[in-house]
Amino acid sequence: MAWRGNLSKNIKELRFLMCQSSPASSSARAFVEKNYKELKTLNPKLPILIRECSGVEPQLWARYDLGVEKGIKLEGMTEPQIFKVLEDMVKAGESFKA
């Protein structure tokens, strides 16, 4: 799990989009509640944005070098699956470095 400390090396910004109350966003909300503090502590300069909007489907977006962005829908995913998506996004960031 050392990749968690390398988020800021490969990603310029991380955004979680979710609904405050919908069941579809419940796992994304739980993931953020459990893991935000650790991710922010390991990557203090990385902007980790939490965007809540009524009725929006849960998504995770990463902004890389050169303005490249990649988004993944999180609906129906469990916490370990969201971690896997995040890890894959960090690894993908290596190919977008300027």
PDB file of N, CA and C in Angstrom:
ATOM      1  N   MET A   1       0.813  -1.198   0.000  1.00  0.00           N
ATOM      2  CA  MET A   1       0.000   0.000   0.000  1.00  0.00           C
ATOM      3  C   MET A   1       0.858   1.264   0.000  1.00  0.00           C
ATOM      4  N   ALA A   2       2.106   1.142  -0.377  1.00  0.00           N
ATOM      5  CA  ALA A   2       2.994   2.308  -0.415  1.00  0.00           C
ATOM      6  C   ALA A   2       2.543   3.316  -1.467  1.00  0.00           C
ATOM      7  N   TRP A   3       1.761   2.871  -2.432  1.00  0.00           N
ATOM      8  CA  TRP A   3       1.289   3.777  -3.484  1.00  0.00           C
ATOM      9  C   TRP A   3       0.450   4.915  -2.921  1.00  0.00           C
ATOM     10  N   ARG A   4      -0.154   4.723  -1.757  1.00  0.00           N
ATOM     11  CA  ARG A   4      -0.990   5.776  -1.151  1.00  0.00           C
ATOM     12  C   ARG A   4      -0.191   7.045  -0.892  1.00  0.00           C
ATOM     13  N   GLY A   5       1.071   6.893  -0.538  1.00  0.00           N
ATOM     14  CA  GLY A   5       1.924   8.051  -0.291  1.00  0.00           C
ATOM     15  C   GLY A   5       2.454   8.692  -1.553  1.00  0.00           C
ATOM     16  N   ASN A   6       2.227   8.050  -2.702  1.00  0.00           N
ATOM     17  CA  ASN A   6       2.720   8.563  -3.984  1.00  0.00           C
ATOM     18  C   ASN A   6       1.648   9.232  -4.824  1.00  0.00           C
ATOM     19  N   LEU A   7       0.481   9.468  -4.251  1.00  0.00           N
ATOM     20  CA  LEU A   7      -0.589  10.092  -5.028  1.00  0.00           C
ATOM     21  C   LEU A   7      -0.112  11.400  -5.648  1.00  0.00           C
ATOM     22  N   SER A   8       0.513  12.242  -4.844  1.00  0.00           N
ATOM     23  CA  SER A   8       0.889  13.576  -5.317  1.00  0.00           C
ATOM     24  C   SER A   8       2.027  13.543  -6.336  1.00  0.00           C
ATOM     25  N   LYS A   9       2.723  12.426  -6.464  1.00  0.00           N
ATOM     26  CA  LYS A   9       3.782  12.323  -7.474  1.00  0.00           C
ATOM     27  C   LYS A   9       3.206  12.120  -8.870  1.00  0.00           C
ATOM     28  N   ASN A  10       2.052  11.481  -8.952  1.00  0.00           N
ATOM     29  CA  ASN A  10       1.477  11.135 -10.254  1.00  0.00           C
ATOM     30  C   ASN A  10       0.164  11.839 -10.565  1.00  0.00           C
ATOM     31  N   ILE A  11      -0.474  12.416  -9.555  1.00  0.00           N
ATOM     32  CA  ILE A  11      -1.782  13.062  -9.739  1.00  0.00           C
ATOM     33  C   ILE A  11      -1.688  14.500  -9.247  1.00  0.00           C
ATOM     34  N   LYS A  12      -2.287  15.414  -9.992  1.00  0.00           N
ATOM     35  CA  LYS A  12      -2.269  16.833  -9.616  1.00  0.00           C
ATOM     36  C   LYS A  12      -3.487  17.231  -8.785  1.00  0.00           C
ATOM     37  N   GLU A  13      -4.592  16.500  -8.953  1.00  0.00           N
ATOM     38  CA  GLU A  13      -5.819  16.798  -8.210  1.00  0.00           C
ATOM     39  C   GLU A  13      -6.695  15.556  -8.216  1.00  0.00           C
ATOM     40  N   LEU A  14      -7.373  15.319  -7.104  1.00  0.00           N
ATOM     41  CA  LEU A  14      -8.286  14.195  -6.970  1.00  0.00           C
ATOM     42  C   LEU A  14      -9.645  14.743  -6.568  1.00  0.00           C
ATOM     43  N   ARG A  15     -10.719  14.313  -7.273  1.00  0.00           N
ATOM     44  CA  ARG A  15     -12.070  14.800  -6.978  1.00  0.00           C
ATOM     45  C   ARG A  15     -13.031  13.626  -6.792  1.00  0.00           C
ATOM     46  N   PHE A  16     -13.747  13.663  -5.684  1.00  0.00           N
ATOM     47  CA  PHE A  16     -14.826  12.710  -5.439  1.00  0.00           C
ATOM     48  C   PHE A  16     -16.129  13.451  -5.651  1.00  0.00           C
ATOM     49  N   LEU A  17     -17.010  12.922  -6.501  1.00  0.00           N
ATOM     50  CA  LEU A  17     -18.336  13.480  -6.708  1.00  0.00           C
ATOM     51  C   LEU A  17     -19.336  12.472  -6.160  1.00  0.00           C
ATOM     52  N   MET A  18     -20.308  12.961  -5.365  1.00  0.00           N
ATOM     53  CA  MET A  18     -21.281  12.050  -4.781  1.00  0.00           C
ATOM     54  C   MET A  18     -22.514  12.802  -4.312  1.00  0.00           C
ATOM     55  N   CYS A  19     -23.570  12.061  -4.102  1.00  0.00           N
ATOM     56  CA  CYS A  19     -24.801  12.599  -3.531  1.00  0.00           C
ATOM     57  C   CYS A  19     -24.722  12.451  -2.011  1.00  0.00           C
ATOM     58  N   GLN A  20     -25.256  13.443  -1.298  1.00  0.00           N
ATOM     59  CA  GLN A  20     -25.201  13.420   0.158  1.00  0.00           C
ATOM     60  C   GLN A  20     -26.075  12.332   0.777  1.00  0.00           C
ATOM     61  N   SER A  21     -27.109  11.882   0.050  1.00  0.00           N
ATOM     62  CA  SER A  21     -28.076  10.986   0.684  1.00  0.00           C
ATOM     63  C   SER A  21     -28.438   9.736  -0.104  1.00  0.00           C
ATOM     64  N   SER A  22     -28.091   9.639  -1.363  1.00  0.00           N
ATOM     65  CA  SER A  22     -28.558   8.497  -2.163  1.00  0.00           C
ATOM     66  C   SER A  22     -27.827   7.207  -1.796  1.00  0.00           C
ATOM     67  N   PRO A  23     -28.540   6.081  -1.874  1.00  0.00           N
ATOM     68  CA  PRO A  23     -27.906   4.783  -1.614  1.00  0.00           C
ATOM     69  C   PRO A  23     -26.785   4.477  -2.614  1.00  0.00           C
ATOM     70  N   ALA A  24     -26.889   4.985  -3.833  1.00  0.00           N
ATOM     71  CA  ALA A  24     -25.865   4.734  -4.843  1.00  0.00           C
ATOM     72  C   ALA A  24     -24.512   5.312  -4.436  1.00  0.00           C
ATOM     73  N   SER A  25     -24.532   6.391  -3.660  1.00  0.00           N
ATOM     74  CA  SER A  25     -23.293   7.041  -3.244  1.00  0.00           C
ATOM     75  C   SER A  25     -22.810   6.593  -1.864  1.00  0.00           C
ATOM     76  N   SER A  26     -23.504   5.664  -1.232  1.00  0.00           N
ATOM     77  CA  SER A  26     -23.166   5.294   0.145  1.00  0.00           C
ATOM     78  C   SER A  26     -21.755   4.743   0.283  1.00  0.00           C
ATOM     79  N   SER A  27     -21.311   3.890  -0.650  1.00  0.00           N
ATOM     80  CA  SER A  27     -19.958   3.334  -0.525  1.00  0.00           C
ATOM     81  C   SER A  27     -18.897   4.414  -0.779  1.00  0.00           C
ATOM     82  N   ALA A  28     -19.158   5.339  -1.680  1.00  0.00           N
ATOM     83  CA  ALA A  28     -18.218   6.429  -1.926  1.00  0.00           C
ATOM     84  C   ALA A  28     -18.132   7.338  -0.697  1.00  0.00           C
ATOM     85  N   ARG A  29     -19.267   7.625  -0.076  1.00  0.00           N
ATOM     86  CA  ARG A  29     -19.262   8.438   1.154  1.00  0.00           C
ATOM     87  C   ARG A  29     -18.488   7.732   2.262  1.00  0.00           C
ATOM     88  N   ALA A  30     -18.721   6.436   2.420  1.00  0.00           N
ATOM     89  CA  ALA A  30     -18.030   5.666   3.456  1.00  0.00           C
ATOM     90  C   ALA A  30     -16.522   5.638   3.188  1.00  0.00           C
ATOM     91  N   PHE A  31     -16.140   5.486   1.926  1.00  0.00           N
ATOM     92  CA  PHE A  31     -14.713   5.477   1.566  1.00  0.00           C
ATOM     93  C   PHE A  31     -14.057   6.798   1.960  1.00  0.00           C
ATOM     94  N   VAL A  32     -14.692   7.901   1.622  1.00  0.00           N
ATOM     95  CA  VAL A  32     -14.136   9.217   1.933  1.00  0.00           C
ATOM     96  C   VAL A  32     -14.061   9.414   3.450  1.00  0.00           C
ATOM     97  N   GLU A  33     -15.119   9.053   4.158  1.00  0.00           N
ATOM     98  CA  GLU A  33     -15.128   9.214   5.616  1.00  0.00           C
ATOM     99  C   GLU A  33     -14.011   8.422   6.286  1.00  0.00           C
ATOM    100  N   LYS A  34     -13.733   7.215   5.799  1.00  0.00           N
ATOM    101  CA  LYS A  34     -12.722   6.353   6.410  1.00  0.00           C
ATOM    102  C   LYS A  34     -11.299   6.704   5.983  1.00  0.00           C
ATOM    103  N   ASN A  35     -11.119   7.177   4.752  1.00  0.00           N
ATOM    104  CA  ASN A  35      -9.772   7.249   4.190  1.00  0.00           C
ATOM    105  C   ASN A  35      -9.253   8.639   3.868  1.00  0.00           C
ATOM    106  N   TYR A  36     -10.096   9.652   3.905  1.00  0.00           N
ATOM    107  CA  TYR A  36      -9.648  11.008   3.551  1.00  0.00           C
ATOM    108  C   TYR A  36      -8.475  11.451   4.415  1.00  0.00           C
ATOM    109  N   LYS A  37      -8.601  11.291   5.715  1.00  0.00           N
ATOM    110  CA  LYS A  37      -7.567  11.777   6.639  1.00  0.00           C
ATOM    111  C   LYS A  37      -6.203  11.152   6.330  1.00  0.00           C
ATOM    112  N   GLU A  38      -6.177   9.833   6.132  1.00  0.00           N
ATOM    113  CA  GLU A  38      -4.905   9.157   5.834  1.00  0.00           C
ATOM    114  C   GLU A  38      -4.330   9.619   4.501  1.00  0.00           C
ATOM    115  N   LEU A  39      -5.173   9.687   3.471  1.00  0.00           N
ATOM    116  CA  LEU A  39      -4.686  10.109   2.153  1.00  0.00           C
ATOM    117  C   LEU A  39      -4.148  11.530   2.197  1.00  0.00           C
ATOM    118  N   LYS A  40      -4.837  12.411   2.921  1.00  0.00           N
ATOM    119  CA  LYS A  40      -4.407  13.806   3.021  1.00  0.00           C
ATOM    120  C   LYS A  40      -3.118  13.923   3.849  1.00  0.00           C
ATOM    121  N   THR A  41      -2.996  13.126   4.910  1.00  0.00           N
ATOM    122  CA  THR A  41      -1.790  13.134   5.730  1.00  0.00           C
ATOM    123  C   THR A  41      -0.586  12.679   4.919  1.00  0.00           C
ATOM    124  N   LEU A  42      -0.760  11.649   4.092  1.00  0.00           N
ATOM    125  CA  LEU A  42       0.336  11.135   3.270  1.00  0.00           C
ATOM    126  C   LEU A  42       0.649  12.035   2.078  1.00  0.00           C
ATOM    127  N   ASN A  43      -0.308  12.862   1.660  1.00  0.00           N
ATOM    128  CA  ASN A  43      -0.165  13.738   0.491  1.00  0.00           C
ATOM    129  C   ASN A  43      -0.677  15.131   0.829  1.00  0.00           C
ATOM    130  N   PRO A  44       0.015  15.852   1.725  1.00  0.00           N
ATOM    131  CA  PRO A  44      -0.529  17.120   2.239  1.00  0.00           C
ATOM    132  C   PRO A  44      -0.716  18.215   1.192  1.00  0.00           C
ATOM    133  N   LYS A  45       0.043  18.200   0.116  1.00  0.00           N
ATOM    134  CA  LYS A  45      -0.079  19.261  -0.887  1.00  0.00           C
ATOM    135  C   LYS A  45      -1.026  18.902  -2.029  1.00  0.00           C
ATOM    136  N   LEU A  46      -1.520  17.683  -2.043  1.00  0.00           N
ATOM    137  CA  LEU A  46      -2.433  17.242  -3.103  1.00  0.00           C
ATOM    138  C   LEU A  46      -3.843  17.738  -2.821  1.00  0.00           C
ATOM    139  N   PRO A  47      -4.445  18.478  -3.749  1.00  0.00           N
ATOM    140  CA  PRO A  47      -5.852  18.860  -3.555  1.00  0.00           C
ATOM    141  C   PRO A  47      -6.749  17.616  -3.684  1.00  0.00           C
ATOM    142  N   ILE A  48      -7.450  17.299  -2.615  1.00  0.00           N
ATOM    143  CA  ILE A  48      -8.432  16.216  -2.631  1.00  0.00           C
ATOM    144  C   ILE A  48      -9.781  16.883  -2.395  1.00  0.00           C
ATOM    145  N   LEU A  49     -10.559  16.992  -3.461  1.00  0.00           N
ATOM    146  CA  LEU A  49     -11.816  17.723  -3.422  1.00  0.00           C
ATOM    147  C   LEU A  49     -12.993  16.769  -3.262  1.00  0.00           C
ATOM    148  N   ILE A  50     -13.922  17.147  -2.398  1.00  0.00           N
ATOM    149  CA  ILE A  50     -15.146  16.380  -2.185  1.00  0.00           C
ATOM    150  C   ILE A  50     -16.294  17.253  -2.686  1.00  0.00           C
ATOM    151  N   ARG A  51     -16.970  16.819  -3.735  1.00  0.00           N
ATOM    152  CA  ARG A  51     -18.064  17.587  -4.323  1.00  0.00           C
ATOM    153  C   ARG A  51     -19.349  16.807  -4.143  1.00  0.00           C
ATOM    154  N   GLU A  52     -20.282  17.409  -3.411  1.00  0.00           N
ATOM    155  CA  GLU A  52     -21.574  16.773  -3.160  1.00  0.00           C
ATOM    156  C   GLU A  52     -22.670  17.543  -3.884  1.00  0.00           C
ATOM    157  N   CYS A  53     -23.536  16.797  -4.548  1.00  0.00           N
ATOM    158  CA  CYS A  53     -24.657  17.396  -5.265  1.00  0.00           C
ATOM    159  C   CYS A  53     -25.806  16.387  -5.253  1.00  0.00           C
ATOM    160  N   SER A  54     -26.967  16.858  -4.944  1.00  0.00           N
ATOM    161  CA  SER A  54     -28.129  15.990  -4.864  1.00  0.00           C
ATOM    162  C   SER A  54     -28.382  15.283  -6.195  1.00  0.00           C
ATOM    163  N   GLY A  55     -28.470  13.964  -6.141  1.00  0.00           N
ATOM    164  CA  GLY A  55     -28.814  13.170  -7.311  1.00  0.00           C
ATOM    165  C   GLY A  55     -27.664  12.815  -8.239  1.00  0.00           C
ATOM    166  N   VAL A  56     -26.459  13.278  -7.973  1.00  0.00           N
ATOM    167  CA  VAL A  56     -25.332  12.980  -8.857  1.00  0.00           C
ATOM    168  C   VAL A  56     -24.849  11.548  -8.602  1.00  0.00           C
ATOM    169  N   GLU A  57     -24.386  10.885  -9.671  1.00  0.00           N
ATOM    170  CA  GLU A  57     -23.858   9.537  -9.496  1.00  0.00           C
ATOM    171  C   GLU A  57     -22.425   9.626  -8.959  1.00  0.00           C
ATOM    172  N   PRO A  58     -22.014   8.683  -8.112  1.00  0.00           N
ATOM    173  CA  PRO A  58     -20.682   8.756  -7.510  1.00  0.00           C
ATOM    174  C   PRO A  58     -19.592   8.530  -8.562  1.00  0.00           C
ATOM    175  N   GLN A  59     -18.596   9.396  -8.518  1.00  0.00           N
ATOM    176  CA  GLN A  59     -17.492   9.325  -9.476  1.00  0.00           C
ATOM    177  C   GLN A  59     -16.193   9.717  -8.788  1.00  0.00           C
ATOM    178  N   LEU A  60     -15.090   9.258  -9.352  1.00  0.00           N
ATOM    179  CA  LEU A  60     -13.765   9.655  -8.912  1.00  0.00           C
ATOM    180  C   LEU A  60     -13.026  10.173 -10.134  1.00  0.00           C
ATOM    181  N   TRP A  61     -12.503  11.395 -10.025  1.00  0.00           N
ATOM    182  CA  TRP A  61     -11.774  12.028 -11.120  1.00  0.00           C
ATOM    183  C   TRP A  61     -10.360  12.336 -10.679  1.00  0.00           C
ATOM    184  N   ALA A  62      -9.420  12.107 -11.577  1.00  0.00           N
ATOM    185  CA  ALA A  62      -8.020  12.458 -11.329  1.00  0.00           C
ATOM    186  C   ALA A  62      -7.567  13.388 -12.444  1.00  0.00           C
ATOM    187  N   ARG A  63      -6.870  14.464 -12.054  1.00  0.00           N
ATOM    188  CA  ARG A  63      -6.250  15.360 -13.032  1.00  0.00           C
ATOM    189  C   ARG A  63      -4.748  15.116 -12.981  1.00  0.00           C
ATOM    190  N   TYR A  64      -4.174  14.906 -14.161  1.00  0.00           N
ATOM    191  CA  TYR A  64      -2.757  14.600 -14.288  1.00  0.00           C
ATOM    192  C   TYR A  64      -2.017  15.783 -14.915  1.00  0.00           C
ATOM    193  N   ASP A  65      -0.725  15.574 -15.168  1.00  0.00           N
ATOM    194  CA  ASP A  65       0.063  16.566 -15.903  1.00  0.00           C
ATOM    195  C   ASP A  65      -0.573  16.833 -17.258  1.00  0.00           C
ATOM    196  N   LEU A  66      -0.264  17.976 -17.807  1.00  0.00           N
ATOM    197  CA  LEU A  66      -0.719  18.379 -19.145  1.00  0.00           C
ATOM    198  C   LEU A  66      -2.241  18.502 -19.230  1.00  0.00           C
ATOM    199  N   GLY A  67      -2.927  18.616 -18.103  1.00  0.00           N
ATOM    200  CA  GLY A  67      -4.375  18.820 -18.093  1.00  0.00           C
ATOM    201  C   GLY A  67      -5.201  17.593 -18.416  1.00  0.00           C
ATOM    202  N   VAL A  68      -4.585  16.432 -18.460  1.00  0.00           N
ATOM    203  CA  VAL A  68      -5.301  15.190 -18.754  1.00  0.00           C
ATOM    204  C   VAL A  68      -6.140  14.807 -17.538  1.00  0.00           C
ATOM    205  N   GLU A  69      -7.406  14.450 -17.768  1.00  0.00           N
ATOM    206  CA  GLU A  69      -8.291  14.015 -16.695  1.00  0.00           C
ATOM    207  C   GLU A  69      -8.873  12.643 -17.014  1.00  0.00           C
ATOM    208  N   LYS A  70      -9.095  11.876 -15.948  1.00  0.00           N
ATOM    209  CA  LYS A  70      -9.680  10.548 -16.097  1.00  0.00           C
ATOM    210  C   LYS A  70     -10.723  10.371 -15.006  1.00  0.00           C
ATOM    211  N   GLY A  71     -11.908   9.919 -15.377  1.00  0.00           N
ATOM    212  CA  GLY A  71     -12.989   9.728 -14.414  1.00  0.00           C
ATOM    213  C   GLY A  71     -13.518   8.308 -14.440  1.00  0.00           C
ATOM    214  N   ILE A  72     -13.910   7.825 -13.272  1.00  0.00           N
ATOM    215  CA  ILE A  72     -14.454   6.481 -13.120  1.00  0.00           C
ATOM    216  C   ILE A  72     -15.741   6.569 -12.305  1.00  0.00           C
ATOM    217  N   LYS A  73     -16.787   5.870 -12.745  1.00  0.00           N
ATOM    218  CA  LYS A  73     -18.031   5.803 -11.972  1.00  0.00           C
ATOM    219  C   LYS A  73     -17.859   4.798 -10.841  1.00  0.00           C
ATOM    220  N   LEU A  74     -18.294   5.180  -9.637  1.00  0.00           N
ATOM    221  CA  LEU A  74     -18.095   4.345  -8.454  1.00  0.00           C
ATOM    222  C   LEU A  74     -19.352   3.621  -7.994  1.00  0.00           C
ATOM    223  N   GLU A  75     -20.453   3.805  -8.676  1.00  0.00           N
ATOM    224  CA  GLU A  75     -21.721   3.207  -8.238  1.00  0.00           C
ATOM    225  C   GLU A  75     -21.599   1.690  -8.154  1.00  0.00           C
ATOM    226  N   GLY A  76     -22.007   1.136  -7.025  1.00  0.00           N
ATOM    227  CA  GLY A  76     -22.002  -0.312  -6.829  1.00  0.00           C
ATOM    228  C   GLY A  76     -20.657  -0.882  -6.405  1.00  0.00           C
ATOM    229  N   MET A  77     -19.637  -0.050  -6.254  1.00  0.00           N
ATOM    230  CA  MET A  77     -18.315  -0.541  -5.860  1.00  0.00           C
ATOM    231  C   MET A  77     -18.191  -0.596  -4.346  1.00  0.00           C
ATOM    232  N   THR A  78     -17.395  -1.547  -3.882  1.00  0.00           N
ATOM    233  CA  THR A  78     -17.085  -1.659  -2.458  1.00  0.00           C
ATOM    234  C   THR A  78     -15.823  -0.846  -2.159  1.00  0.00           C
ATOM    235  N   GLU A  79     -15.497  -0.708  -0.881  1.00  0.00           N
ATOM    236  CA  GLU A  79     -14.300   0.041  -0.497  1.00  0.00           C
ATOM    237  C   GLU A  79     -13.028  -0.540  -1.126  1.00  0.00           C
ATOM    238  N   PRO A  80     -12.802  -1.864  -1.086  1.00  0.00           N
ATOM    239  CA  PRO A  80     -11.598  -2.403  -1.734  1.00  0.00           C
ATOM    240  C   PRO A  80     -11.572  -2.137  -3.251  1.00  0.00           C
ATOM    241  N   GLN A  81     -12.728  -2.146  -3.881  1.00  0.00           N
ATOM    242  CA  GLN A  81     -12.783  -1.858  -5.317  1.00  0.00           C
ATOM    243  C   GLN A  81     -12.438  -0.394  -5.590  1.00  0.00           C
ATOM    244  N   ILE A  82     -12.885   0.516  -4.719  1.00  0.00           N
ATOM    245  CA  ILE A  82     -12.550   1.930  -4.879  1.00  0.00           C
ATOM    246  C   ILE A  82     -11.057   2.128  -4.680  1.00  0.00           C
ATOM    247  N   PHE A  83     -10.459   1.438  -3.704  1.00  0.00           N
ATOM    248  CA  PHE A  83      -9.002   1.502  -3.528  1.00  0.00           C
ATOM    249  C   PHE A  83      -8.285   1.030  -4.783  1.00  0.00           C
ATOM    250  N   LYS A  84      -8.771  -0.046  -5.402  1.00  0.00           N
ATOM    251  CA  LYS A  84      -8.148  -0.580  -6.620  1.00  0.00           C
ATOM    252  C   LYS A  84      -8.233   0.442  -7.749  1.00  0.00           C
ATOM    253  N   VAL A  85      -9.385   1.094  -7.894  1.00  0.00           N
ATOM    254  CA  VAL A  85      -9.556   2.134  -8.914  1.00  0.00           C
ATOM    255  C   VAL A  85      -8.556   3.266  -8.670  1.00  0.00           C
ATOM    256  N   LEU A  86      -8.444   3.693  -7.420  1.00  0.00           N
ATOM    257  CA  LEU A  86      -7.526   4.764  -7.074  1.00  0.00           C
ATOM    258  C   LEU A  86      -6.078   4.352  -7.352  1.00  0.00           C
ATOM    259  N   GLU A  87      -5.713   3.133  -6.982  1.00  0.00           N
ATOM    260  CA  GLU A  87      -4.356   2.636  -7.251  1.00  0.00           C
ATOM    261  C   GLU A  87      -4.079   2.616  -8.751  1.00  0.00           C
ATOM    262  N   ASP A  88      -5.043   2.162  -9.546  1.00  0.00           N
ATOM    263  CA  ASP A  88      -4.879   2.138 -11.006  1.00  0.00           C
ATOM    264  C   ASP A  88      -4.712   3.551 -11.559  1.00  0.00           C
ATOM    265  N   MET A  89      -5.429   4.524 -10.986  1.00  0.00           N
ATOM    266  CA  MET A  89      -5.303   5.902 -11.432  1.00  0.00           C
ATOM    267  C   MET A  89      -3.910   6.449 -11.123  1.00  0.00           C
ATOM    268  N   VAL A  90      -3.374   6.093  -9.956  1.00  0.00           N
ATOM    269  CA  VAL A  90      -2.025   6.531  -9.591  1.00  0.00           C
ATOM    270  C   VAL A  90      -1.009   5.942 -10.567  1.00  0.00           C
ATOM    271  N   LYS A  91      -1.133   4.661 -10.870  1.00  0.00           N
ATOM    272  CA  LYS A  91      -0.207   4.011 -11.812  1.00  0.00           C
ATOM    273  C   LYS A  91      -0.345   4.604 -13.207  1.00  0.00           C
ATOM    274  N   ALA A  92      -1.573   4.931 -13.620  1.00  0.00           N
ATOM    275  CA  ALA A  92      -1.795   5.540 -14.937  1.00  0.00           C
ATOM    276  C   ALA A  92      -1.135   6.902 -15.038  1.00  0.00           C
ATOM    277  N   GLY A  93      -1.033   7.596 -13.918  1.00  0.00           N
ATOM    278  CA  GLY A  93      -0.426   8.919 -13.901  1.00  0.00           C
ATOM    279  C   GLY A  93       1.033   8.928 -14.306  1.00  0.00           C
ATOM    280  N   GLU A  94       1.714   7.800 -14.143  1.00  0.00           N
ATOM    281  CA  GLU A  94       3.117   7.724 -14.535  1.00  0.00           C
ATOM    282  C   GLU A  94       3.284   7.943 -16.042  1.00  0.00           C
ATOM    283  N   SER A  95       2.302   7.541 -16.825  1.00  0.00           N
ATOM    284  CA  SER A  95       2.401   7.694 -18.282  1.00  0.00           C
ATOM    285  C   SER A  95       2.043   9.103 -18.755  1.00  0.00           C
ATOM    286  N   PHE A  96       1.461   9.931 -17.868  1.00  0.00           N
ATOM    287  CA  PHE A  96       1.070  11.288 -18.249  1.00  0.00           C
ATOM    288  C   PHE A  96       2.060  12.342 -17.786  1.00  0.00           C
ATOM    289  N   LYS A  97       3.174  11.934 -17.212  1.00  0.00           N
ATOM    290  CA  LYS A  97       4.125  12.914 -16.690  1.00  0.00           C
ATOM    291  C   LYS A  97       4.752  13.723 -17.809  1.00  0.00           C
ATOM    292  N   ALA A  98       4.907  15.025 -17.523  1.00  0.00           N
ATOM    293  CA  ALA A  98       5.484  15.925 -18.522  1.00  0.00           C
ATOM    294  C   ALA A  98       6.989  15.740 -18.605  1.00  0.00           C
TER     295      ALA A  98
END
